[in-house]
Amino acid sequence: MRKIWGTRNLNNLTIALDSLLAHRLRSFLTALGIIFGVGAVIAMLAIGKGAKEEIMNQMKLVGVNNIVIKPVTEEKKDEEENKKKTNGKAGEDKKKFSKGLSLQDAHSIIKMVPTVEAISPEMIIEHDVIYNGKSKRLKMVGVEPAFFELNNIGLSQGKMFNSTQMTGGEGVCVIGAGVKRKFFLSEDPLGKTIKCGQQWLKVIGVTDEKLISSATKSNLGIRDYNMDIYVPIQTTLVRYKNPAIRIEHRSWWEDDGSGQGDGGGSNAMHQLDQLVVKVRQPEQLTASAGIISRMLKRRHSDVMDFEVSIPEQLLQQQQKTKDVFNIVLSAIAGISLLVGGIGIMNIMLASVLERTKEIGIRMALGAQKRDIVMQFLFEAVLISLCGGIIGILLGVLGAYLVDKIADIKTIVSAISIFLSFLLASSVGLIFGISPAKKAANQNPIECLRHA
């Protein structure tokens, strides 16, 4: 019986395939809804997965549970002052002075806020870097060892700054992977000295390569870590002089806690270009940011010459927005599949009416109702499967073009292809049942009388 059943099904499949090949254009037009629906599903899932991975990579770049504090530029301060002048409050603020974001602020945060796990002050100065006749203008970044942990930066060679180098302001540096390629392409950089500005720095380590897309740099406002030269922050204070800021040649943890400025003047003299604070738990981010903001405002004489942001929350909100966008587009793709399924059902119903005599002849020759059902189901499923295969190819091509042309990261996964193929098969099966049953329920005698 199994052999007979298998032979009959194979025969029904052959008849269905012959029918589709005899009407190629109609079959292709019927499958268009499935083609575009499956293609859209593949492309949308690829865009969604790519967006999710990009967000996760960005979170790794900015670090987990981090709060970023940056000094407010003079342009922003001028805008705020103009607004206050309009409101008649300029005279009161002119009397206030703040030295800006400083190492003493970092000390106060780690000392006074119990939810803070680590803190990383950064000082950035651009210098011409020279080695063996090669020259390039690069960023020299004064950091603490916590910087590398907070930014998920490891070392591929060498070692990190030790406590003596950190407190003594020694002329040592860790270079980025891009700096190594620029100056030490064919030699080991460890132990070599490079001239950074007017100072000679000994290379003691090389960071791992961090692959960062241009879009990610733009979205997060981060620099290319591979092209930075990292030095102990005390080295930046002791060995380099910047006329734009006033500094004290002492360890930043030796602050007396007063929070007062060290001189007069009308403009803030920011020591730091950025301060990254890591809290212990994600749920402590918002509360900690509020506490830090209020504390810094008091230390800066109520002058808001800094801004506090939480990159992880901004990225999570961005992810939610993209998720909603992808859900809407996937729903549209699903509607396309539904319309394609309805199209298959309509064409198959029309095909039943058109082939009434053929159905009668098959029944007269001994075909049973299940043979007629299987024949028309095979036709519907074949149309759907062919449309699904073409749709998968179209979707993969569309995802590739979106990645290359629109510069939007896409990832086509095996799961999305399998899901789309399953959807296409299900659509053909579900919407083919009604026409197949209608064909099988035809009266053979009435069918034979049909002109």
Protein backbone atom coordinates (compact mmCIF):
# COMPACT_ATOMS: atom_id res chain seq x y z
CA MET A 1 0.00 0.00 0.00
CA ARG A 2 2.83 2.40 0.87
CA LYS A 3 4.42 1.80 -2.52
CA ILE A 4 1.11 2.37 -4.29
CA TRP A 5 0.49 5.55 -2.24
CA GLY A 6 3.99 6.81 -2.98
CA THR A 7 3.61 6.08 -6.70
CA ARG A 8 0.25 7.83 -6.87
CA ASN A 9 1.61 10.89 -5.09
CA LEU A 10 4.60 10.98 -7.43
CA ASN A 11 2.21 10.76 -10.36
CA ASN A 12 0.07 13.60 -8.90
CA LEU A 13 3.21 15.69 -8.41
CA THR A 14 4.25 15.10 -12.03
CA ILE A 15 0.82 16.14 -13.31
CA ALA A 16 0.91 19.29 -11.13
CA LEU A 17 4.40 20.17 -12.40
CA ASP A 18 3.37 19.64 -16.04
CA SER A 19 0.38 21.93 -15.50
CA LEU A 20 2.55 24.71 -14.04
CA LEU A 21 5.10 24.42 -16.86
CA ALA A 22 2.31 24.60 -19.41
CA HIS A 23 1.26 27.97 -17.94
CA ARG A 24 4.63 29.49 -17.01
CA LEU A 25 3.63 33.16 -17.15
CA ARG A 26 0.49 32.65 -15.09
CA SER A 27 2.43 30.62 -12.52
CA PHE A 28 5.11 33.31 -12.27
CA LEU A 29 2.58 36.13 -11.86
CA THR A 30 0.78 34.08 -9.21
CA ALA A 31 4.05 33.65 -7.32
CA LEU A 32 4.94 37.39 -7.37
CA GLY A 33 3.19 38.07 -4.06
CA ILE A 34 5.17 35.28 -2.40
CA ILE A 35 8.41 36.44 -4.04
CA PHE A 36 8.15 40.02 -2.76
CA GLY A 37 6.77 38.93 0.62
CA VAL A 38 9.59 36.45 1.31
CA GLY A 39 12.19 38.88 -0.05
CA ALA A 40 10.90 41.61 2.24
CA VAL A 41 10.90 39.29 5.25
CA ILE A 42 14.52 38.23 4.57
CA ALA A 43 15.67 41.83 4.09
CA MET A 44 13.85 43.13 7.18
CA LEU A 45 15.18 40.36 9.41
CA ALA A 46 18.69 41.02 8.05
CA ILE A 47 18.40 44.75 8.76
CA GLY A 48 16.99 44.08 12.23
CA LYS A 49 19.74 41.61 13.14
CA GLY A 50 22.40 43.93 11.75
CA ALA A 51 21.00 46.87 13.75
CA LYS A 52 20.91 44.79 16.93
CA GLU A 53 24.51 43.65 16.51
CA GLU A 54 25.63 47.19 15.76
CA ILE A 55 23.91 48.45 18.92
CA MET A 56 25.58 45.68 20.95
CA ASN A 57 28.97 46.58 19.46
CA GLN A 58 28.37 50.23 20.28
CA MET A 59 27.48 49.30 23.86
CA LYS A 60 30.77 47.42 24.09
CA LEU A 61 32.59 50.48 22.78
CA VAL A 62 31.07 52.90 25.29
CA GLY A 63 31.23 50.29 28.05
CA VAL A 64 28.52 48.86 30.26
CA ASN A 65 27.02 50.95 33.11
CA ASN A 66 29.03 54.03 32.13
CA ILE A 67 28.22 57.69 32.65
CA VAL A 68 30.06 60.20 30.45
CA ILE A 69 30.80 63.73 31.67
CA LYS A 70 32.11 66.29 29.20
CA PRO A 71 32.95 69.98 29.56
CA VAL A 72 30.60 72.42 27.89
CA THR A 73 32.30 74.30 25.07
CA GLU A 74 32.59 78.06 25.06
CA GLU A 75 30.06 78.25 22.22
CA LYS A 76 27.41 76.45 24.28
CA LYS A 77 28.17 78.62 27.28
CA ASP A 78 27.77 81.74 25.17
CA GLU A 79 24.39 80.49 23.98
CA GLU A 80 23.28 79.89 27.55
CA GLU A 81 24.51 83.31 28.62
CA ASN A 82 22.61 84.96 25.77
CA LYS A 83 19.44 83.21 26.88
CA LYS A 84 19.99 84.37 30.45
CA LYS A 85 20.61 87.93 29.26
CA THR A 86 17.28 87.79 27.54
CA ASN A 87 15.71 86.75 30.85
CA GLY A 88 17.57 89.47 32.76
CA LYS A 89 19.79 87.12 34.79
CA ALA A 90 23.16 87.82 33.23
CA GLY A 91 24.47 90.04 36.02
CA GLU A 92 24.14 87.35 38.65
CA ASP A 93 26.03 84.68 36.68
CA LYS A 94 28.88 86.97 35.67
CA LYS A 95 30.05 87.02 39.29
CA LYS A 96 30.39 83.24 39.40
CA PHE A 97 33.56 81.43 38.43
CA SER A 98 34.34 77.79 37.76
CA LYS A 99 37.66 76.29 36.77
CA GLY A 100 35.79 73.67 34.75
CA LEU A 101 36.06 69.91 34.72
CA SER A 102 39.17 68.87 36.65
CA LEU A 103 40.96 65.91 38.18
CA GLN A 104 39.72 67.06 41.57
CA ASP A 105 36.16 66.48 40.32
CA ALA A 106 37.12 62.90 39.51
CA HIS A 107 38.54 62.45 43.01
CA SER A 108 35.39 63.83 44.62
CA ILE A 109 33.11 61.55 42.58
CA ILE A 110 34.99 58.34 43.44
CA LYS A 111 35.20 59.43 47.08
CA MET A 112 31.65 60.69 47.65
CA VAL A 113 29.39 58.55 45.42
CA PRO A 114 29.17 54.98 46.78
CA THR A 115 27.61 53.51 43.63
CA VAL A 116 30.70 54.36 41.55
CA GLU A 117 32.92 51.35 40.79
CA ALA A 118 35.62 53.01 38.66
CA ILE A 119 36.40 56.35 37.07
CA SER A 120 38.53 57.33 34.09
CA PRO A 121 39.63 60.94 33.50
CA GLU A 122 40.94 61.79 30.03
CA MET A 123 43.09 64.66 28.78
CA ILE A 124 43.53 64.93 25.01
CA ILE A 125 46.24 66.98 23.30
CA GLU A 126 47.15 66.88 19.60
CA HIS A 127 50.85 66.71 18.73
CA ASP A 128 53.07 65.96 15.78
CA VAL A 129 54.49 62.47 16.34
CA ILE A 130 57.88 61.71 14.78
CA TYR A 131 59.77 58.44 14.47
CA ASN A 132 62.50 57.41 12.05
CA GLY A 133 61.72 60.20 9.58
CA LYS A 134 57.97 59.61 9.62
CA SER A 135 55.63 62.26 10.97
CA LYS A 136 51.89 62.40 11.65
CA ARG A 137 49.66 64.58 13.80
CA LEU A 138 47.95 62.36 16.37
CA LYS A 139 46.03 62.62 19.61
CA MET A 140 47.96 62.05 22.81
CA VAL A 141 45.55 60.93 25.54
CA GLY A 142 46.40 61.21 29.21
CA VAL A 143 44.62 58.35 31.00
CA GLU A 144 44.45 56.20 34.11
CA PRO A 145 44.68 52.37 33.77
CA ALA A 146 40.90 52.25 34.36
CA PHE A 147 40.45 53.80 30.90
CA PHE A 148 41.37 50.55 29.17
CA GLU A 149 38.98 48.49 31.29
CA LEU A 150 36.07 50.90 30.89
CA ASN A 151 36.51 51.05 27.11
CA ASN A 152 37.17 47.31 26.66
CA ILE A 153 40.64 47.89 25.23
CA GLY A 154 43.19 45.12 25.70
CA LEU A 155 46.88 44.90 24.93
CA SER A 156 48.30 42.83 22.09
CA GLN A 157 51.90 43.52 23.14
CA GLY A 158 53.76 44.80 26.16
CA LYS A 159 52.32 45.88 29.49
CA MET A 160 50.23 48.57 31.15
CA PHE A 161 51.50 51.55 33.17
CA ASN A 162 52.71 50.61 36.66
CA SER A 163 52.16 52.70 39.79
CA THR A 164 55.62 54.29 39.61
CA GLN A 165 55.09 55.42 36.03
CA MET A 166 51.62 56.75 36.90
CA THR A 167 52.66 58.84 39.91
CA GLY A 168 56.10 59.88 38.67
CA GLY A 169 55.05 61.38 35.33
CA GLU A 170 57.51 59.19 33.42
CA GLY A 171 57.88 59.48 29.65
CA VAL A 172 56.22 56.20 28.67
CA CYS A 173 53.30 55.46 26.37
CA VAL A 174 51.02 52.74 25.02
CA ILE A 175 50.30 53.13 21.31
CA GLY A 176 47.24 52.11 19.31
CA ALA A 177 47.33 49.36 16.69
CA GLY A 178 47.01 51.95 13.90
CA VAL A 179 50.00 53.90 15.25
CA LYS A 180 52.04 50.70 15.20
CA ARG A 181 51.15 50.14 11.53
CA LYS A 182 52.06 53.73 10.70
CA PHE A 183 55.47 53.89 12.41
CA PHE A 184 56.51 50.29 13.18
CA LEU A 185 55.26 48.25 10.25
CA SER A 186 58.35 46.03 10.00
CA GLU A 187 59.79 46.25 13.53
CA ASP A 188 58.86 45.64 17.15
CA PRO A 189 57.79 48.94 18.76
CA LEU A 190 58.42 47.85 22.37
CA GLY A 191 61.34 49.72 23.89
CA LYS A 192 61.51 52.24 21.04
CA THR A 193 61.17 55.97 21.70
CA ILE A 194 58.98 58.32 19.69
CA LYS A 195 58.91 62.09 19.75
CA CYS A 196 55.50 63.43 20.72
CA GLY A 197 55.56 67.21 20.57
CA GLN A 198 58.74 68.25 22.35
CA GLN A 199 58.96 65.12 24.51
CA TRP A 200 60.40 61.66 23.89
CA LEU A 201 58.19 58.78 25.02
CA LYS A 202 59.18 55.14 25.41
CA VAL A 203 56.72 52.60 23.97
CA ILE A 204 55.84 49.97 26.58
CA GLY A 205 52.67 48.48 25.02
CA VAL A 206 50.41 48.18 21.97
CA THR A 207 46.60 48.00 22.16
CA ASP A 208 44.42 45.44 20.42
CA GLU A 209 42.83 46.43 17.13
CA LYS A 210 39.34 47.89 17.61
CA LEU A 211 37.22 47.80 14.47
CA ILE A 212 34.91 50.82 14.49
CA SER A 213 32.77 51.83 11.52
CA SER A 214 32.54 55.46 10.45
CA ALA A 215 28.80 55.43 11.21
CA THR A 216 29.48 54.24 14.76
CA LYS A 217 32.10 56.95 15.27
CA SER A 218 29.62 59.55 14.10
CA ASN A 219 26.70 58.22 16.19
CA LEU A 220 28.67 57.90 19.42
CA GLY A 221 30.99 60.84 18.87
CA ILE A 222 34.04 58.69 19.59
CA ARG A 223 37.50 58.86 18.09
CA ASP A 224 39.56 56.13 16.47
CA TYR A 225 41.21 54.43 19.45
CA ASN A 226 43.66 52.70 17.11
CA MET A 227 45.30 56.02 16.22
CA ASP A 228 45.80 57.31 19.78
CA ILE A 229 48.91 57.46 21.93
CA TYR A 230 48.14 56.80 25.59
CA VAL A 231 50.30 58.25 28.36
CA PRO A 232 49.87 58.37 32.15
CA ILE A 233 47.75 61.36 33.07
CA GLN A 234 50.49 62.67 35.37
CA THR A 235 52.86 62.64 32.39
CA THR A 236 50.40 64.87 30.55
CA LEU A 237 50.31 67.25 33.52
CA VAL A 238 54.05 67.35 34.20
CA ARG A 239 55.63 67.14 30.74
CA TYR A 240 53.14 69.00 28.53
CA LYS A 241 51.96 72.55 28.95
CA ASN A 242 48.73 73.80 27.44
CA PRO A 243 48.19 77.59 27.68
CA ALA A 244 44.41 77.07 27.56
CA ILE A 245 44.32 75.39 30.98
CA ARG A 246 45.90 75.97 34.36
CA ILE A 247 47.18 72.83 36.07
CA GLU A 248 48.84 71.87 39.33
CA HIS A 249 51.77 69.46 39.20
CA ARG A 250 50.50 67.04 41.80
CA SER A 251 48.59 63.78 41.92
CA TRP A 252 44.90 64.24 41.29
CA TRP A 253 43.98 62.19 44.36
CA GLU A 254 45.68 64.81 46.59
CA ASP A 255 42.75 67.23 46.26
CA ASP A 256 41.76 68.91 49.49
CA GLY A 257 38.10 68.53 48.57
CA SER A 258 37.39 72.25 48.56
CA GLY A 259 36.39 72.27 44.93
CA GLN A 260 37.51 75.90 44.56
CA GLY A 261 39.35 77.33 41.61
CA ASP A 262 43.05 78.11 41.72
CA GLY A 263 42.96 81.48 40.15
CA GLY A 264 40.89 84.24 38.65
CA GLY A 265 39.56 84.77 35.18
CA SER A 266 36.28 84.92 33.34
CA ASN A 267 36.41 81.61 31.47
CA ALA A 268 36.40 78.02 32.71
CA MET A 269 39.77 76.30 32.43
CA HIS A 270 38.88 72.67 31.81
CA GLN A 271 41.65 70.24 32.65
CA LEU A 272 39.75 67.23 31.36
CA ASP A 273 38.24 66.56 27.98
CA GLN A 274 36.12 63.71 29.29
CA LEU A 275 35.33 61.86 32.49
CA VAL A 276 33.90 58.33 32.30
CA VAL A 277 32.26 56.97 35.43
CA LYS A 278 31.29 53.29 35.82
CA VAL A 279 28.57 52.43 38.32
CA ARG A 280 28.12 49.03 39.93
CA GLN A 281 24.61 48.14 38.70
CA PRO A 282 22.58 49.19 35.61
CA GLU A 283 19.62 50.27 37.75
CA GLN A 284 21.91 52.77 39.51
CA LEU A 285 22.75 54.69 36.32
CA THR A 286 20.00 57.32 36.42
CA ALA A 287 20.22 58.00 40.17
CA SER A 288 24.03 58.14 40.08
CA ALA A 289 23.99 60.54 37.13
CA GLY A 290 21.64 62.84 39.05
CA ILE A 291 23.82 62.77 42.17
CA ILE A 292 26.99 63.42 40.16
CA SER A 293 25.36 66.30 38.28
CA ARG A 294 24.23 68.00 41.51
CA MET A 295 27.59 67.46 43.17
CA LEU A 296 29.53 68.91 40.24
CA LYS A 297 27.17 71.87 40.07
CA ARG A 298 27.98 72.69 43.72
CA ARG A 299 31.71 72.27 43.12
CA HIS A 300 31.48 74.55 40.06
CA SER A 301 29.70 77.37 41.92
CA ASP A 302 26.34 76.56 40.26
CA VAL A 303 27.89 77.06 36.81
CA MET A 304 26.70 74.36 34.39
CA ASP A 305 29.95 74.13 32.44
CA PHE A 306 29.60 70.36 32.02
CA GLU A 307 27.09 67.87 30.61
CA VAL A 308 26.25 64.40 31.89
CA SER A 309 25.01 61.66 29.56
CA ILE A 310 24.30 57.92 29.80
CA PRO A 311 25.33 56.30 26.48
CA GLU A 312 23.80 52.89 27.30
CA GLN A 313 20.32 54.35 27.85
CA LEU A 314 20.59 56.40 24.65
CA LEU A 315 21.58 53.26 22.74
CA GLN A 316 18.76 51.23 24.31
CA GLN A 317 16.28 53.90 23.26
CA GLN A 318 17.77 53.84 19.78
CA GLN A 319 17.38 50.04 19.75
CA LYS A 320 13.71 50.32 20.78
CA THR A 321 13.08 52.79 17.97
CA LYS A 322 14.73 50.47 15.44
CA ASP A 323 12.77 47.51 16.80
CA VAL A 324 9.48 49.34 16.28
CA PHE A 325 10.58 50.30 12.77
CA ASN A 326 11.51 46.69 11.96
CA ILE A 327 8.22 45.38 13.37
CA VAL A 328 6.27 47.76 11.15
CA LEU A 329 8.27 46.76 8.07
CA SER A 330 7.96 43.06 8.93
CA ALA A 331 4.20 43.50 9.28
CA ILE A 332 4.11 45.04 5.81
CA ALA A 333 6.13 42.06 4.53
CA GLY A 334 3.67 39.73 6.24
CA ILE A 335 0.79 41.48 4.52
CA SER A 336 2.58 40.92 1.21
CA LEU A 337 2.72 37.20 1.99
CA LEU A 338 -0.98 37.21 2.89
CA VAL A 339 -1.85 38.97 -0.37
CA GLY A 340 0.34 36.46 -2.22
CA GLY A 341 -1.51 33.59 -0.56
CA ILE A 342 -4.89 35.06 -1.50
CA GLY A 343 -3.60 35.43 -5.05
CA ILE A 344 -2.65 31.76 -5.15
CA MET A 345 -6.10 30.76 -3.87
CA ASN A 346 -7.88 32.93 -6.45
CA ILE A 347 -5.81 31.59 -9.34
CA MET A 348 -6.27 28.01 -8.18
CA LEU A 349 -10.05 28.49 -7.89
CA ALA A 350 -10.08 29.89 -11.40
CA SER A 351 -7.93 26.97 -12.52
CA VAL A 352 -10.47 24.50 -11.08
CA LEU A 353 -13.24 26.06 -13.19
CA GLU A 354 -11.01 26.13 -16.24
CA ARG A 355 -9.98 22.47 -15.89
CA THR A 356 -13.35 20.96 -15.02
CA LYS A 357 -13.25 18.56 -17.98
CA GLU A 358 -9.69 17.46 -17.07
CA ILE A 359 -10.88 16.66 -13.53
CA GLY A 360 -13.80 14.61 -14.91
CA ILE A 361 -11.53 12.63 -17.22
CA ARG A 362 -9.11 11.80 -14.38
CA MET A 363 -11.95 10.65 -12.17
CA ALA A 364 -13.41 8.57 -14.99
CA LEU A 365 -10.02 6.88 -15.43
CA GLY A 366 -9.96 5.85 -11.76
CA ALA A 367 -8.52 8.84 -9.92
CA GLN A 368 -9.88 9.18 -6.40
CA LYS A 369 -10.81 12.37 -4.55
CA ARG A 370 -7.52 12.37 -2.64
CA ASP A 371 -5.62 12.26 -5.97
CA ILE A 372 -7.41 15.40 -7.15
CA VAL A 373 -6.81 17.06 -3.77
CA MET A 374 -3.10 16.19 -3.89
CA GLN A 375 -2.75 17.38 -7.48
CA PHE A 376 -4.07 20.86 -6.75
CA LEU A 377 -2.30 21.06 -3.39
CA PHE A 378 0.96 20.17 -5.13
CA GLU A 379 0.37 22.96 -7.64
CA ALA A 380 -0.28 25.53 -4.90
CA VAL A 381 2.71 24.43 -2.83
CA LEU A 382 5.03 24.32 -5.87
CA ILE A 383 4.04 27.87 -6.83
CA SER A 384 4.63 28.97 -3.27
CA LEU A 385 7.97 27.15 -2.94
CA CYS A 386 9.30 28.49 -6.24
CA GLY A 387 8.22 31.96 -5.18
CA GLY A 388 9.90 31.39 -1.83
CA ILE A 389 13.20 30.35 -3.39
CA ILE A 390 13.22 33.35 -5.73
CA GLY A 391 12.15 35.55 -2.79
CA ILE A 392 15.03 34.29 -0.65
CA LEU A 393 17.52 35.11 -3.42
CA LEU A 394 15.90 38.52 -3.85
CA GLY A 395 15.97 39.15 -0.09
CA VAL A 396 19.65 38.19 0.24
CA LEU A 397 20.51 40.43 -2.72
CA GLY A 398 18.44 43.26 -1.25
CA ALA A 399 20.20 42.93 2.12
CA TYR A 400 23.58 43.00 0.38
CA LEU A 401 22.66 46.14 -1.60
CA VAL A 402 21.35 47.87 1.53
CA ASP A 403 24.66 47.09 3.28
CA LYS A 404 26.82 48.31 0.40
CA ILE A 405 24.81 51.24 -0.95
CA ALA A 406 22.95 52.62 2.07
CA ASP A 407 25.79 51.72 4.51
CA ILE A 408 23.30 50.02 6.86
CA LYS A 409 24.68 46.87 8.43
CA THR A 410 22.69 43.74 7.53
CA ILE A 411 23.14 40.12 8.63
CA VAL A 412 21.34 37.32 6.80
CA SER A 413 21.01 34.35 9.14
CA ALA A 414 20.18 30.71 8.37
CA ILE A 415 17.22 30.98 10.73
CA SER A 416 15.66 33.82 8.72
CA ILE A 417 16.06 31.81 5.49
CA PHE A 418 14.52 28.71 7.06
CA LEU A 419 11.67 30.76 8.54
CA SER A 420 10.94 32.42 5.19
CA PHE A 421 10.99 29.05 3.39
CA LEU A 422 8.62 27.61 6.01
CA LEU A 423 6.30 30.59 5.63
CA ALA A 424 6.22 30.21 1.86
CA SER A 425 5.39 26.49 2.14
CA SER A 426 2.68 27.17 4.72
CA VAL A 427 1.07 29.87 2.59
CA GLY A 428 0.83 27.51 -0.40
CA LEU A 429 -0.53 24.70 1.74
CA ILE A 430 -3.09 26.80 3.62
CA PHE A 431 -4.43 28.74 0.64
CA GLY A 432 -4.35 25.68 -1.63
CA ILE A 433 -6.65 23.57 0.54
CA SER A 434 -9.92 25.27 -0.45
CA PRO A 435 -9.38 25.06 -4.27
CA ALA A 436 -8.16 21.44 -3.92
CA LYS A 437 -11.26 20.42 -1.99
CA LYS A 438 -13.51 22.19 -4.48
CA ALA A 439 -11.83 20.32 -7.33
CA ALA A 440 -12.18 16.95 -5.56
CA ASN A 441 -15.88 17.49 -4.82
CA GLN A 442 -16.76 17.92 -8.49
CA ASN A 443 -19.31 15.47 -9.97
CA PRO A 444 -17.44 13.39 -12.60
CA ILE A 445 -20.47 13.14 -14.89
CA GLU A 446 -21.10 16.89 -14.77
CA CYS A 447 -17.41 17.47 -15.41
CA LEU A 448 -17.44 15.29 -18.52
CA ARG A 449 -20.44 17.18 -19.87
CA HIS A 450 -18.53 20.43 -19.46
CA ALA A 451 -17.60 21.87 -22.82
